[in-house]
C-alpha cells in the first residue's frame, strides 16, 4: 500500500515521539543511543530508521545471514535495550532474547503475540501502538537534541570472516554524502 511523503513523514515523527516517550532508546554508557533492527528490509524498517535519525539514535541492523548468535553478540557490544522485529524473528527472540524491549511490526498471529506478551524475558510492544502513542506526543520532539553531521547514524555489522562480526560506522554526513552522490553523480563526491 503506497504512502505519500507527507504520510511517511508523519509516521516518522510519531514513531520517534513514541520511542522517546516510552524511553525505548536510553543512553548507553558511551553516550550514544542504539536501536536494533532484527528483520528483513521493509516499509517499517525505513520508518524506524528515519525515526532514529530524527532522534540521533544509531540504527543497528541485524540479519540472520550473520548467524544465530550474532544478535546476542551485537547487543552485547551496543548495549541496545530495544529491538524491532517482525513475527518471523519473534520465535527466535522468545527462545533467547538479550533485549529488554521487543517492538513487533506487521501482522502477528494471535497465539504468537500472546506468547510474547506473557514473556518474562522482555516487554513486547506493537510498532503500531508505539506510533499511536507518539502521534499524541509529537510536541515533545522539539526538545530532543538534533544529531550533528559527525554523529553515528548507523552501525552495520559485517560477517566475521576472520572472527566475530565487525561494526562499520556510518555518520549522518556519510549517509547524506551517499544520497547526494546517487542523486547528483556529476558533483563527483
Protein backbone atom coordinates (compact mmCIF):
# COMPACT_ATOMS: atom_id res chain seq x y z
CA UNK A 1 0.00 0.00 0.00
CA UNK A 2 1.52 3.24 -1.18
CA UNK A 3 2.07 6.13 1.21
CA UNK A 4 2.84 9.74 0.35
CA UNK A 5 5.95 11.53 1.58
CA UNK A 6 3.69 13.50 3.93
CA UNK A 7 2.18 10.31 5.37
CA UNK A 8 5.62 8.76 5.87
CA UNK A 9 6.94 11.97 7.47
CA UNK A 10 4.02 11.91 9.93
CA UNK A 11 4.70 8.27 10.75
CA UNK A 12 8.39 9.01 11.29
CA UNK A 13 7.60 11.85 13.71
CA UNK A 14 5.01 9.72 15.53
CA UNK A 15 7.32 6.72 15.91
CA UNK A 16 10.19 8.95 17.04
CA UNK A 17 7.98 10.55 19.69
CA UNK A 18 6.71 7.13 20.81
CA UNK A 19 10.22 5.71 21.14
CA UNK A 20 11.28 8.76 23.14
CA UNK A 21 8.16 8.89 25.32
CA UNK A 22 8.47 5.19 26.24
CA UNK A 23 12.23 5.56 26.86
CA UNK A 24 12.94 2.72 24.42
CA UNK A 25 16.25 4.26 23.31
CA UNK A 26 18.07 5.13 26.54
CA UNK A 27 21.61 6.41 26.50
CA UNK A 28 24.32 3.73 26.64
CA UNK A 29 27.40 4.25 28.85
CA UNK A 30 29.31 5.61 25.83
CA UNK A 31 26.77 8.45 25.47
CA UNK A 32 25.10 7.01 22.37
CA UNK A 33 21.62 5.63 21.84
CA UNK A 34 21.12 2.40 19.85
CA UNK A 35 18.08 0.62 18.39
CA UNK A 36 18.36 -2.89 16.96
CA UNK A 37 16.61 -3.85 13.72
CA UNK A 38 16.28 -7.65 13.54
CA UNK A 39 14.19 -8.10 10.40
CA UNK A 40 14.30 -8.02 6.65
CA UNK A 41 14.08 -4.63 4.95
CA UNK A 42 10.53 -3.38 4.63
CA UNK A 43 8.50 -0.18 4.87
CA UNK A 44 8.53 -0.13 8.68
CA UNK A 45 12.30 -0.68 8.66
CA UNK A 46 12.64 2.59 6.77
CA UNK A 47 10.15 4.41 9.03
CA UNK A 48 12.06 3.11 12.05
CA UNK A 49 15.44 4.14 10.66
CA UNK A 50 14.25 7.63 9.77
CA UNK A 51 12.75 7.95 13.26
CA UNK A 52 16.13 7.04 14.72
CA UNK A 53 17.87 9.61 12.54
CA UNK A 54 15.37 12.21 13.79
CA UNK A 55 16.27 11.35 17.40
CA UNK A 56 20.01 10.97 16.96
CA UNK A 57 19.68 7.25 17.70
CA UNK A 58 22.08 4.85 15.97
CA UNK A 59 20.42 2.23 13.76
CA UNK A 60 21.88 -1.26 14.27
CA UNK A 61 20.73 -3.71 11.56
CA UNK A 62 20.95 -7.43 12.37
CA UNK A 63 20.29 -10.12 9.80
CA UNK A 64 20.00 -13.90 10.03
CA UNK A 65 22.71 -14.21 7.40
CA UNK A 66 25.25 -13.27 10.09
CA UNK A 67 24.38 -16.36 12.15
CA UNK A 68 22.07 -17.02 15.10
CA UNK A 69 24.49 -15.97 17.84
CA UNK A 70 25.16 -12.63 16.18
CA UNK A 71 22.11 -10.89 17.65
CA UNK A 72 23.34 -11.52 21.17
CA UNK A 73 26.89 -10.54 20.20
CA UNK A 74 25.78 -7.22 18.66
CA UNK A 75 23.50 -6.42 21.60
CA UNK A 76 26.42 -7.08 23.94
CA UNK A 77 28.59 -4.62 22.04
CA UNK A 78 26.00 -1.85 21.67
CA UNK A 79 24.03 -2.44 24.88
CA UNK A 80 20.86 -1.66 22.92
CA UNK A 81 17.83 -2.30 25.12
CA UNK A 82 15.25 -2.41 22.32
CA UNK A 83 14.91 -4.29 19.06
CA UNK A 84 12.34 -4.04 16.26
CA UNK A 85 11.38 -7.32 14.57
CA UNK A 86 8.56 -8.99 12.66
CA UNK A 87 6.61 -12.14 13.52
CA UNK A 88 9.24 -14.12 11.57
CA UNK A 89 12.03 -13.25 14.04
CA UNK A 90 9.88 -13.24 17.18
CA UNK A 91 10.14 -17.03 17.85
CA UNK A 92 13.95 -16.72 17.91
CA UNK A 93 13.71 -13.92 20.46
CA UNK A 94 11.26 -15.95 22.54
CA UNK A 95 13.96 -18.65 22.80
CA UNK A 96 16.81 -16.28 23.66
CA UNK A 97 16.42 -12.52 23.91
CA UNK A 98 19.16 -10.19 25.10
CA UNK A 99 16.86 -7.14 24.80
CA UNK A 100 14.56 -5.64 27.45
CA UNK A 101 12.00 -4.48 24.87
CA UNK A 102 10.82 -6.05 21.61
CA UNK A 103 8.76 -3.94 19.21
CA UNK A 104 6.94 -6.14 16.70
CA UNK A 105 5.85 -4.79 13.35
CA UNK A 106 3.44 -6.21 10.80
CA UNK A 107 0.83 -8.90 11.30
CA UNK A 108 1.43 -11.23 14.24
CA UNK A 109 -0.55 -14.45 14.77
CA UNK A 110 -2.61 -14.07 17.98
CA UNK A 111 -1.04 -17.11 19.67
CA UNK A 112 2.48 -15.81 18.98
CA UNK A 113 1.55 -12.34 20.23
CA UNK A 114 0.08 -13.84 23.43
CA UNK A 115 3.30 -15.80 23.93
CA UNK A 116 5.35 -12.61 23.53
CA UNK A 117 3.09 -10.64 25.89
CA UNK A 118 3.47 -13.41 28.51
CA UNK A 119 7.28 -13.45 28.24
CA UNK A 120 9.16 -12.65 31.43
CA UNK A 121 12.36 -12.09 29.44
CA UNK A 122 11.25 -8.91 27.68
CA UNK A 123 8.43 -6.40 27.30
CA UNK A 124 6.69 -6.69 23.95
CA UNK A 125 5.03 -3.81 22.15
CA UNK A 126 3.40 -3.43 18.77
CA UNK A 127 5.02 -0.98 16.35
CA UNK A 128 1.56 0.48 15.59
CA UNK A 129 0.93 1.11 19.31
CA UNK A 130 4.26 2.93 19.71
CA UNK A 131 3.37 5.01 16.66
CA UNK A 132 -0.10 5.75 18.01
CA UNK A 133 1.24 6.87 21.39
CA UNK A 134 3.84 9.00 19.64
CA UNK A 135 1.24 10.68 17.42
CA UNK A 136 -0.34 12.07 20.60
CA UNK A 137 3.07 13.24 21.87
CA UNK A 138 4.89 14.76 18.87
CA UNK A 139 5.02 18.05 20.77
CA UNK A 140 7.95 16.69 22.81
CA UNK A 141 10.19 16.33 19.72
CA UNK A 142 11.43 19.95 19.60
CA UNK A 143 13.10 19.35 22.98
CA UNK A 144 15.10 16.38 21.60
CA UNK A 145 18.63 17.44 20.58
CA UNK A 146 19.30 17.20 16.84
CA UNK A 147 22.18 14.98 15.69
CA UNK A 148 25.35 16.58 14.35
CA UNK A 149 26.74 15.62 10.90
CA UNK A 150 29.62 13.67 12.51
CA UNK A 151 27.33 11.73 14.87
CA UNK A 152 26.96 7.99 14.37
CA UNK A 153 23.81 7.24 12.34
CA UNK A 154 24.22 3.54 11.57
CA UNK A 155 26.37 0.71 12.84
CA UNK A 156 26.33 -2.05 10.19
CA UNK A 157 27.88 -5.34 11.18
CA UNK A 158 29.71 -7.36 8.56
CA UNK A 159 30.11 -11.10 8.54
CA UNK A 160 33.10 -12.03 10.65
CA UNK A 161 35.28 -13.83 8.11
CA UNK A 162 38.23 -13.54 10.49
CA UNK A 163 36.28 -13.89 13.71
CA UNK A 164 33.34 -12.04 15.18
CA UNK A 165 31.35 -9.53 13.10
CA UNK A 166 32.80 -6.04 12.93
CA UNK A 167 30.71 -2.87 13.05
CA UNK A 168 31.12 -0.43 10.17
CA UNK A 169 30.29 3.06 11.40
CA UNK A 170 28.35 5.48 9.19
CA UNK A 171 27.82 9.06 10.28
CA UNK A 172 24.91 11.27 9.28
CA UNK A 173 27.38 13.06 6.99
CA UNK A 174 28.30 9.72 5.32
CA UNK A 175 24.67 8.92 4.60
CA UNK A 176 23.90 12.37 3.21
CA UNK A 177 27.00 12.25 1.00
CA UNK A 178 25.93 8.85 -0.39
CA UNK A 179 22.44 10.19 -1.14
CA UNK A 180 23.86 13.31 -2.80
CA UNK A 181 26.27 11.22 -4.86
CA UNK A 182 23.46 8.95 -6.06
CA UNK A 183 21.17 11.87 -6.85
CA UNK A 184 23.84 14.11 -8.39
CA UNK A 185 26.73 11.97 -9.69
CA UNK A 186 28.06 14.94 -11.67
CA UNK A 187 29.14 16.52 -8.36
CA UNK A 188 31.79 13.81 -8.05
CA UNK A 189 31.51 13.43 -4.27
